[in-house]
N, C-alpha and C. Protein backbone atom coordinates (compact mmCIF):
# COMPACT_ATOMS: atom_id res chain seq x y z
N MET A 1 173.10 -104.93 73.77
CA MET A 1 172.63 -103.89 74.66
C MET A 1 171.24 -104.27 75.15
N GLY A 2 170.97 -104.02 76.45
CA GLY A 2 169.69 -104.37 77.05
C GLY A 2 168.58 -103.42 76.65
N GLN A 3 167.38 -103.83 76.92
CA GLN A 3 166.21 -103.02 76.62
C GLN A 3 165.41 -102.79 77.90
N VAL A 4 165.00 -101.57 78.14
CA VAL A 4 164.20 -101.23 79.30
C VAL A 4 162.74 -101.46 78.97
N VAL A 5 162.06 -102.21 79.82
CA VAL A 5 160.64 -102.50 79.62
C VAL A 5 159.89 -101.93 80.82
N GLU A 6 158.93 -101.07 80.57
CA GLU A 6 158.15 -100.46 81.64
C GLU A 6 156.94 -101.32 81.94
N PHE A 7 156.74 -101.63 83.22
CA PHE A 7 155.60 -102.42 83.65
C PHE A 7 154.48 -101.49 84.08
N PRO A 8 153.24 -101.89 83.87
CA PRO A 8 152.11 -101.07 84.33
C PRO A 8 152.12 -100.95 85.85
N ALA A 9 151.60 -99.85 86.37
CA ALA A 9 151.58 -99.61 87.81
C ALA A 9 150.84 -100.71 88.56
N SER A 10 149.86 -101.32 87.94
CA SER A 10 149.09 -102.37 88.61
C SER A 10 149.93 -103.62 88.86
N ARG A 11 151.07 -103.73 88.21
CA ARG A 11 151.91 -104.91 88.37
C ARG A 11 153.05 -104.68 89.35
N ILE A 12 153.04 -103.53 90.03
CA ILE A 12 154.08 -103.25 91.01
C ILE A 12 153.89 -104.17 92.20
N ARG A 13 154.96 -104.83 92.61
CA ARG A 13 154.88 -105.73 93.76
C ARG A 13 154.74 -104.92 95.03
N SER A 14 154.08 -105.50 96.02
CA SER A 14 153.80 -104.77 97.25
C SER A 14 155.05 -104.50 98.08
N ASP A 15 156.16 -105.23 97.83
CA ASP A 15 157.37 -104.99 98.60
C ASP A 15 158.31 -104.00 97.92
N TRP A 16 157.91 -103.47 96.79
CA TRP A 16 158.75 -102.50 96.10
C TRP A 16 158.78 -101.19 96.84
N GLN A 17 159.86 -100.46 96.64
CA GLN A 17 159.98 -99.13 97.20
C GLN A 17 159.93 -98.13 96.05
N LEU A 18 159.06 -97.15 96.17
CA LEU A 18 158.84 -96.17 95.12
C LEU A 18 159.54 -94.86 95.45
N THR A 19 159.79 -94.07 94.43
CA THR A 19 160.29 -92.72 94.64
C THR A 19 159.11 -91.82 95.00
N LYS A 20 159.42 -90.62 95.42
CA LYS A 20 158.37 -89.66 95.76
C LYS A 20 157.50 -89.38 94.53
N ALA A 21 158.13 -89.21 93.39
CA ALA A 21 157.38 -88.93 92.16
C ALA A 21 156.47 -90.10 91.79
N GLU A 22 156.96 -91.32 91.93
CA GLU A 22 156.16 -92.49 91.60
C GLU A 22 154.97 -92.63 92.54
N LEU A 23 155.19 -92.40 93.83
CA LEU A 23 154.10 -92.49 94.80
C LEU A 23 153.06 -91.40 94.55
N ALA A 24 153.53 -90.19 94.27
CA ALA A 24 152.61 -89.08 93.99
C ALA A 24 151.76 -89.39 92.76
N GLU A 25 152.38 -89.94 91.74
CA GLU A 25 151.64 -90.28 90.52
C GLU A 25 150.64 -91.40 90.81
N ARG A 26 151.04 -92.39 91.56
CA ARG A 26 150.16 -93.52 91.88
C ARG A 26 148.92 -93.05 92.63
N TRP A 27 149.11 -92.11 93.56
CA TRP A 27 147.99 -91.62 94.37
C TRP A 27 147.32 -90.38 93.78
N ASN A 28 147.84 -89.88 92.67
CA ASN A 28 147.30 -88.70 92.01
C ASN A 28 147.31 -87.47 92.93
N VAL A 29 148.46 -87.25 93.57
CA VAL A 29 148.66 -86.10 94.44
C VAL A 29 149.99 -85.45 94.04
N SER A 30 150.29 -84.29 94.62
CA SER A 30 151.55 -83.63 94.31
C SER A 30 152.68 -84.18 95.17
N GLU A 31 153.90 -83.97 94.73
CA GLU A 31 155.05 -84.37 95.53
C GLU A 31 155.10 -83.56 96.82
N ARG A 32 154.64 -82.32 96.77
CA ARG A 32 154.59 -81.51 97.98
C ARG A 32 153.63 -82.11 99.00
N TRP A 33 152.51 -82.66 98.56
CA TRP A 33 151.57 -83.32 99.45
C TRP A 33 152.25 -84.49 100.15
N ILE A 34 153.03 -85.26 99.38
CA ILE A 34 153.77 -86.39 99.94
C ILE A 34 154.74 -85.89 101.01
N GLU A 35 155.48 -84.82 100.72
CA GLU A 35 156.43 -84.26 101.68
C GLU A 35 155.71 -83.82 102.96
N TYR A 36 154.59 -83.18 102.80
CA TYR A 36 153.82 -82.70 103.95
C TYR A 36 153.37 -83.87 104.82
N ARG A 37 152.89 -84.92 104.19
CA ARG A 37 152.43 -86.09 104.94
C ARG A 37 153.59 -86.80 105.63
N MET A 38 154.77 -86.77 105.04
CA MET A 38 155.96 -87.34 105.69
C MET A 38 156.25 -86.58 106.99
N GLN A 39 156.19 -85.25 106.92
CA GLN A 39 156.54 -84.41 108.05
C GLN A 39 155.46 -84.38 109.12
N ARG A 40 154.22 -84.25 108.71
CA ARG A 40 153.13 -84.01 109.66
C ARG A 40 152.37 -85.26 110.10
N ASP A 41 152.24 -86.23 109.21
CA ASP A 41 151.33 -87.34 109.48
C ASP A 41 151.99 -88.71 109.53
N GLY A 42 153.30 -88.77 109.43
CA GLY A 42 154.00 -90.04 109.59
C GLY A 42 153.92 -90.99 108.42
N LEU A 43 153.83 -90.46 107.20
CA LEU A 43 153.89 -91.32 106.02
C LEU A 43 155.21 -92.09 106.06
N PRO A 44 155.18 -93.43 106.00
CA PRO A 44 156.41 -94.21 106.13
C PRO A 44 157.34 -94.03 104.94
N TYR A 45 158.62 -93.92 105.25
CA TYR A 45 159.63 -93.84 104.20
C TYR A 45 160.95 -94.37 104.73
N VAL A 46 161.86 -94.66 103.81
CA VAL A 46 163.19 -95.14 104.13
C VAL A 46 164.17 -94.17 103.51
N LYS A 47 165.13 -93.69 104.31
CA LYS A 47 166.11 -92.75 103.81
C LYS A 47 167.49 -93.41 103.84
N ASP A 48 168.14 -93.47 102.69
CA ASP A 48 169.48 -94.03 102.59
C ASP A 48 170.46 -93.03 103.18
N SER A 49 171.19 -93.45 104.19
CA SER A 49 172.09 -92.52 104.89
C SER A 49 173.26 -92.06 104.03
N LEU A 50 173.67 -92.85 103.07
CA LEU A 50 174.80 -92.45 102.24
C LEU A 50 174.39 -91.51 101.11
N SER A 51 173.38 -91.89 100.37
CA SER A 51 172.98 -91.09 99.22
C SER A 51 171.87 -90.11 99.53
N ARG A 52 171.24 -90.27 100.68
CA ARG A 52 170.11 -89.44 101.11
C ARG A 52 168.88 -89.58 100.22
N LEU A 53 168.83 -90.66 99.46
CA LEU A 53 167.64 -90.94 98.66
C LEU A 53 166.52 -91.39 99.57
N VAL A 54 165.31 -90.93 99.29
CA VAL A 54 164.14 -91.32 100.05
C VAL A 54 163.31 -92.26 99.19
N ARG A 55 162.93 -93.39 99.76
CA ARG A 55 162.07 -94.36 99.08
C ARG A 55 160.87 -94.66 99.97
N PHE A 56 159.79 -95.06 99.34
CA PHE A 56 158.55 -95.33 100.04
C PHE A 56 158.16 -96.79 99.85
N PRO A 57 158.19 -97.60 100.93
CA PRO A 57 157.78 -99.00 100.82
C PRO A 57 156.27 -99.07 100.52
N LEU A 58 155.93 -99.61 99.38
CA LEU A 58 154.56 -99.55 98.88
C LEU A 58 153.54 -100.15 99.85
N ALA A 59 153.81 -101.33 100.38
CA ALA A 59 152.82 -101.99 101.26
C ALA A 59 152.56 -101.14 102.50
N ALA A 60 153.61 -100.63 103.12
CA ALA A 60 153.46 -99.81 104.32
C ALA A 60 152.73 -98.51 104.00
N CYS A 61 153.03 -97.93 102.86
CA CYS A 61 152.39 -96.67 102.46
C CYS A 61 150.91 -96.88 102.17
N GLU A 62 150.57 -97.99 101.55
CA GLU A 62 149.16 -98.27 101.26
C GLU A 62 148.38 -98.47 102.56
N ARG A 63 148.99 -99.16 103.55
CA ARG A 63 148.33 -99.32 104.86
C ARG A 63 148.15 -97.96 105.52
N TRP A 64 149.19 -97.13 105.47
CA TRP A 64 149.12 -95.79 106.06
C TRP A 64 148.00 -94.99 105.39
N ARG A 65 147.93 -95.07 104.07
CA ARG A 65 146.92 -94.30 103.33
C ARG A 65 145.50 -94.73 103.72
N ALA A 66 145.28 -96.03 103.86
CA ALA A 66 143.95 -96.51 104.25
C ALA A 66 143.57 -95.94 105.61
N THR A 67 144.49 -95.95 106.55
CA THR A 67 144.24 -95.39 107.88
C THR A 67 144.01 -93.89 107.80
N TYR A 68 144.82 -93.21 107.00
CA TYR A 68 144.69 -91.76 106.84
C TYR A 68 143.32 -91.40 106.26
N LEU A 69 142.88 -92.12 105.25
CA LEU A 69 141.59 -91.83 104.62
C LEU A 69 140.44 -92.09 105.59
N GLU A 70 140.54 -93.13 106.41
CA GLU A 70 139.51 -93.39 107.42
C GLU A 70 139.46 -92.24 108.44
N ARG A 71 140.63 -91.79 108.85
CA ARG A 71 140.73 -90.73 109.86
C ARG A 71 140.21 -89.40 109.36
N THR A 72 140.40 -89.13 108.09
CA THR A 72 140.01 -87.82 107.54
C THR A 72 138.67 -87.84 106.85
N ALA A 73 137.99 -88.98 106.84
CA ALA A 73 136.67 -89.07 106.19
C ALA A 73 135.66 -88.21 106.96
N VAL A 74 134.80 -87.56 106.21
CA VAL A 74 133.80 -86.69 106.82
C VAL A 74 132.59 -87.45 107.27
């Protein structure tokens, strides 16, 4: 039987796709905040048409976040 090994968040590859919960935890925000940014601000995501699962491509999301933080800086 196999063993599941959890890798630290810092070792996540930039091409990985995260779940909403994983992205929220990584950015220390709520899942509702993630949903709001998807709807209102164009946070990039990929939706599987068959299963309707939503995933967030990490590299694209990090670029989006950098732009978002610059735009909203006081």
